[in-house]
Protein backbone atom coordinates (compact mmCIF):
# COMPACT_ATOMS: atom_id res chain seq x y z
CA MET A 1 8.09 14.20 -18.50
CA ALA A 2 6.49 15.89 -15.51
CA ASP A 3 6.78 19.62 -14.91
CA ILE A 4 8.40 19.97 -11.47
CA THR A 5 8.66 23.38 -9.81
CA VAL A 6 9.84 24.59 -6.42
CA ALA A 7 8.79 27.98 -5.11
CA ASP A 8 8.99 29.92 -1.87
CA VAL A 9 5.52 30.69 -0.53
CA PRO A 10 6.24 33.32 2.14
CA ASP A 11 2.59 33.62 3.25
CA ALA A 12 2.72 29.93 4.23
CA SER A 13 6.36 30.07 5.46
CA ARG A 14 7.37 27.17 3.27
CA TYR A 15 8.92 26.07 0.01
CA GLU A 16 6.52 24.01 -2.07
CA ILE A 17 7.32 21.43 -4.71
CA ARG A 18 4.68 20.85 -7.37
CA VAL A 19 4.41 18.17 -10.02
CA ASP A 20 2.32 19.21 -13.01
CA GLY A 21 0.79 21.93 -10.83
CA GLU A 22 -0.20 19.58 -8.00
CA LEU A 23 1.29 20.09 -4.54
CA ALA A 24 3.65 17.18 -3.90
CA GLY A 25 5.35 18.39 -0.73
CA TYR A 26 6.84 21.25 1.23
CA ALA A 27 9.67 22.35 3.49
CA ALA A 28 8.39 24.60 6.29
CA TYR A 29 10.59 27.29 7.76
CA ARG A 30 10.72 30.15 10.20
CA GLY A 31 12.49 33.25 8.96
CA GLU A 32 15.01 34.99 11.19
CA PRO A 33 17.08 38.09 10.44
CA ARG A 34 20.14 36.28 9.03
CA ARG A 35 18.94 32.74 8.54
CA MET A 36 16.08 30.40 7.75
CA VAL A 37 15.20 27.75 10.30
CA PHE A 38 13.80 24.68 8.54
CA THR A 39 11.31 22.96 10.85
CA HIS A 40 9.59 20.22 8.83
CA THR A 41 9.70 18.63 5.39
CA GLU A 42 6.98 16.45 3.96
CA ILE A 43 6.42 14.70 0.64
CA ASP A 44 2.94 13.38 -0.12
CA ALA A 45 2.83 9.56 -0.10
CA ALA A 46 1.73 9.53 -3.76
CA TYR A 47 5.07 11.14 -4.71
CA GLU A 48 7.48 9.29 -2.41
CA GLY A 49 10.46 7.50 -3.91
CA GLN A 50 10.80 9.89 -6.85
CA GLY A 51 13.64 12.02 -5.48
CA LEU A 52 11.39 15.00 -4.89
CA GLY A 53 12.56 15.52 -1.31
CA GLY A 54 16.12 16.01 -2.49
CA ARG A 55 15.04 18.34 -5.27
CA LEU A 56 13.00 20.37 -2.80
CA ALA A 57 15.86 20.59 -0.30
CA ALA A 58 18.41 21.58 -2.94
CA ALA A 59 16.17 24.25 -4.45
CA ALA A 60 15.31 25.72 -1.03
CA LEU A 61 18.96 25.79 0.06
CA ASP A 62 20.04 27.31 -3.27
CA ASP A 63 17.45 30.06 -2.75
CA VAL A 64 18.64 30.68 0.81
CA ARG A 65 22.22 31.00 -0.50
CA ALA A 66 21.10 33.41 -3.24
CA ARG A 67 19.50 35.59 -0.56
CA GLY A 68 22.75 35.69 1.41
CA LEU A 69 21.23 33.90 4.39
CA GLY A 70 22.28 30.97 6.52
CA VAL A 71 20.36 27.90 7.68
CA ARG A 72 19.53 26.13 10.88
CA ALA A 73 18.11 22.69 10.17
CA ASP A 74 15.76 21.63 12.96
CA CYS A 75 14.11 19.34 10.41
CA PRO A 76 15.86 15.92 10.33
CA PHE A 77 15.41 15.60 6.56
CA ILE A 78 17.06 18.95 5.78
CA ALA A 79 19.81 18.27 8.35
CA GLY A 80 20.54 14.89 6.77
CA PHE A 81 20.53 16.38 3.28
CA ILE A 82 23.09 18.99 4.34
CA GLN A 83 25.27 16.32 5.97
CA ARG A 84 25.24 14.26 2.75
CA HIS A 85 25.91 17.25 0.46
CA ALA A 86 29.08 19.09 1.44
CA GLU A 87 28.28 21.96 -0.93
CA TYR A 88 25.59 23.15 1.51
CA GLN A 89 27.47 22.79 4.79
CA ASP A 90 28.75 26.37 4.67
CA LEU A 91 25.16 27.59 5.05
CA VAL A 92 24.76 26.15 8.55
CA ARG A 93 24.49 28.80 11.27
CA SER A 94 23.96 27.93 14.93
């Protein structure tokens, strides 16, 4: 089984997902005082179709919630994820 980790990398303004230590994708954001604005999500082609985008989105949104922040999803992937997962809809801030 692969070791999959998601971590916030503030210096790069993104959450990264790694598989066995290799960068598999990221969700870029812009931090604002009371929310994170997600701008772009990308999964490397070698890792597509493995559910990593959903794992990345869930982990990033869980971290945002833990920080007491809201979300604006300019990224279509994150916006779609939130629409499909009602448990994250309360995070949305205009």
